[in-house]
Amino acid sequence: MKYLTQVKPITYLKSHAAEIVKTLSDSREPLLITQNGEAKLVVIDVKSYDEQAETLALLKILALGNREIEAGQFRSARDVLTDLNSEEAQ
C-alpha cells in the first residue's frame, strides 16, 4: 500500500464523521483508519471511488482483450473494416 498522509484511529472516525466528510470531499485524499494500531480500512470520497471503479473496469476489459489475443481469438483490423464496409454497401 502506498503511503497515506492522513492516518486516524477509529475513535476519530466515530467522533468527527461530518468533518471527515468535508475534508475528504475537498481534498480528495484518502483517509486510513486504524484499530488498535493496525490499518483496517481506507475512506475515500465518492468521486474518487467512481474514478477508481471506472479505471478498474477499463483494466479488466484490457486484460480480457489480452487473453483473447494470446488465445488467438481475434481478427485483423483490415478484415473487420472490410466487413463493415461491405455491410454499408448493402
C-alpha atoms as a PDB file:
ATOM      1  CA  MET A   1       0.000   0.000   0.000  1.00  0.00           C
ATOM      2  CA  LYS A   2       1.333   3.386  -0.855  1.00  0.00           C
ATOM      3  CA  TYR A   3       1.977   5.760   1.991  1.00  0.00           C
ATOM      4  CA  LEU A   4      -1.102   7.692   3.095  1.00  0.00           C
ATOM      5  CA  THR A   5      -0.591  11.034   4.799  1.00  0.00           C
ATOM      6  CA  GLN A   6      -3.931  11.015   6.618  1.00  0.00           C
ATOM      7  CA  VAL A   7      -3.985   8.282   9.278  1.00  0.00           C
ATOM      8  CA  LYS A   8      -6.517   8.382  12.101  1.00  0.00           C
ATOM      9  CA  PRO A   9      -7.750   5.930  14.741  1.00  0.00           C
ATOM     10  CA  ILE A  10     -11.272   4.566  14.533  1.00  0.00           C
ATOM     11  CA  THR A  11     -12.299   6.697  17.525  1.00  0.00           C
ATOM     12  CA  TYR A  12     -11.540   9.799  15.433  1.00  0.00           C
ATOM     13  CA  LEU A  13     -13.823   8.484  12.685  1.00  0.00           C
ATOM     14  CA  LYS A  14     -16.611   7.945  15.193  1.00  0.00           C
ATOM     15  CA  SER A  15     -16.397  11.418  16.714  1.00  0.00           C
ATOM     16  CA  HIS A  16     -15.530  13.511  13.630  1.00  0.00           C
ATOM     17  CA  ALA A  17     -17.622  11.969  10.834  1.00  0.00           C
ATOM     18  CA  ALA A  18     -19.021  15.253   9.480  1.00  0.00           C
ATOM     19  CA  GLU A  19     -15.580  16.885   9.476  1.00  0.00           C
ATOM     20  CA  ILE A  20     -14.078  13.862   7.717  1.00  0.00           C
ATOM     21  CA  VAL A  21     -16.751  14.007   5.005  1.00  0.00           C
ATOM     22  CA  LYS A  22     -15.990  17.673   4.320  1.00  0.00           C
ATOM     23  CA  THR A  23     -12.216  17.164   4.373  1.00  0.00           C
ATOM     24  CA  LEU A  24     -12.307  14.164   2.030  1.00  0.00           C
ATOM     25  CA  SER A  25     -14.700  15.899  -0.346  1.00  0.00           C
ATOM     26  CA  ASP A  26     -12.457  18.965  -0.511  1.00  0.00           C
ATOM     27  CA  SER A  27      -9.020  17.319  -0.598  1.00  0.00           C
ATOM     28  CA  ARG A  28      -9.946  14.024  -2.340  1.00  0.00           C
ATOM     29  CA  GLU A  29      -7.113  12.461  -0.330  1.00  0.00           C
ATOM     30  CA  PRO A  30      -7.908   9.052   1.191  1.00  0.00           C
ATOM     31  CA  LEU A  31      -8.001   8.546   4.952  1.00  0.00           C
ATOM     32  CA  LEU A  32      -6.529   5.429   6.547  1.00  0.00           C
ATOM     33  CA  ILE A  33      -8.401   4.265   9.644  1.00  0.00           C
ATOM     34  CA  THR A  34      -6.586   2.206  12.245  1.00  0.00           C
ATOM     35  CA  GLN A  35      -7.892  -0.001  15.017  1.00  0.00           C
ATOM     36  CA  ASN A  36      -5.563  -0.998  17.843  1.00  0.00           C
ATOM     37  CA  GLY A  37      -2.690   0.483  15.825  1.00  0.00           C
ATOM     38  CA  GLU A  38      -3.393  -1.715  12.792  1.00  0.00           C
ATOM     39  CA  ALA A  39      -4.645  -0.465   9.406  1.00  0.00           C
ATOM     40  CA  LYS A  40      -8.271  -1.564   8.979  1.00  0.00           C
ATOM     41  CA  LEU A  41      -9.870   0.499   6.214  1.00  0.00           C
ATOM     42  CA  VAL A  42      -9.438   3.331   3.770  1.00  0.00           C
ATOM     43  CA  VAL A  43     -12.125   6.000   3.412  1.00  0.00           C
ATOM     44  CA  ILE A  44     -12.372   7.897   0.115  1.00  0.00           C
ATOM     45  CA  ASP A  45     -14.797  10.381  -1.401  1.00  0.00           C
ATOM     46  CA  VAL A  46     -17.427   9.226  -3.890  1.00  0.00           C
ATOM     47  CA  LYS A  47     -15.851  10.944  -6.903  1.00  0.00           C
ATOM     48  CA  SER A  48     -12.517   9.203  -6.264  1.00  0.00           C
ATOM     49  CA  TYR A  49     -14.321   5.898  -5.770  1.00  0.00           C
ATOM     50  CA  ASP A  50     -16.186   6.305  -9.069  1.00  0.00           C
ATOM     51  CA  GLU A  51     -12.951   7.161 -10.905  1.00  0.00           C
ATOM     52  CA  GLN A  52     -11.212   4.116  -9.441  1.00  0.00           C
ATOM     53  CA  ALA A  53     -14.157   1.875 -10.373  1.00  0.00           C
ATOM     54  CA  GLU A  54     -14.100   3.155 -13.971  1.00  0.00           C
ATOM     55  CA  THR A  55     -10.337   2.627 -14.166  1.00  0.00           C
ATOM     56  CA  LEU A  56     -10.680  -0.904 -12.831  1.00  0.00           C
ATOM     57  CA  ALA A  57     -13.414  -1.692 -15.370  1.00  0.00           C
ATOM     58  CA  LEU A  58     -11.206  -0.478 -18.231  1.00  0.00           C
ATOM     59  CA  LEU A  59      -8.275  -2.528 -16.946  1.00  0.00           C
ATOM     60  CA  LYS A  60     -10.490  -5.631 -16.829  1.00  0.00           C
ATOM     61  CA  ILE A  61     -11.546  -5.037 -20.443  1.00  0.00           C
ATOM     62  CA  LEU A  62      -7.888  -4.699 -21.473  1.00  0.00           C
ATOM     63  CA  ALA A  63      -6.970  -7.880 -19.601  1.00  0.00           C
ATOM     64  CA  LEU A  64      -9.776  -9.785 -21.326  1.00  0.00           C
ATOM     65  CA  GLY A  65      -8.619  -8.471 -24.688  1.00  0.00           C
ATOM     66  CA  ASN A  66      -5.052  -9.557 -23.988  1.00  0.00           C
ATOM     67  CA  ARG A  67      -6.235 -13.058 -23.063  1.00  0.00           C
ATOM     68  CA  GLU A  68      -8.213 -13.301 -26.297  1.00  0.00           C
ATOM     69  CA  ILE A  69      -5.183 -12.184 -28.319  1.00  0.00           C
ATOM     70  CA  GLU A  70      -2.968 -14.744 -26.556  1.00  0.00           C
ATOM     71  CA  ALA A  71      -5.563 -17.446 -27.322  1.00  0.00           C
ATOM     72  CA  GLY A  72      -5.640 -16.416 -30.986  1.00  0.00           C
ATOM     73  CA  GLN A  73      -9.260 -15.239 -30.759  1.00  0.00           C
ATOM     74  CA  PHE A  74      -9.000 -12.085 -32.834  1.00  0.00           C
ATOM     75  CA  ARG A  75      -9.411 -10.721 -36.352  1.00  0.00           C
ATOM     76  CA  SER A  76      -7.232  -8.253 -38.134  1.00  0.00           C
ATOM     77  CA  ALA A  77      -8.426  -4.663 -38.303  1.00  0.00           C
ATOM     78  CA  ARG A  78      -8.360  -4.916 -42.095  1.00  0.00           C
ATOM     79  CA  ASP A  79     -10.822  -7.846 -42.055  1.00  0.00           C
ATOM     80  CA  VAL A  80     -13.159  -6.040 -39.658  1.00  0.00           C
ATOM     81  CA  LEU A  81     -13.101  -2.841 -41.724  1.00  0.00           C
ATOM     82  CA  THR A  82     -13.686  -4.801 -44.931  1.00  0.00           C
ATOM     83  CA  ASP A  83     -16.723  -6.462 -43.371  1.00  0.00           C
ATOM     84  CA  LEU A  84     -18.051  -3.138 -42.109  1.00  0.00           C
ATOM     85  CA  ASN A  85     -17.604  -1.506 -45.499  1.00  0.00           C
ATOM     86  CA  SER A  86     -19.366  -4.388 -47.291  1.00  0.00           C
ATOM     87  CA  GLU A  87     -22.322  -4.119 -44.846  1.00  0.00           C
ATOM     88  CA  GLU A  88     -22.593  -0.384 -45.503  1.00  0.00           C
ATOM     89  CA  ALA A  89     -22.652  -1.002 -49.250  1.00  0.00           C
ATOM     90  CA  GLN A  90     -25.712  -3.269 -48.926  1.00  0.00           C
END
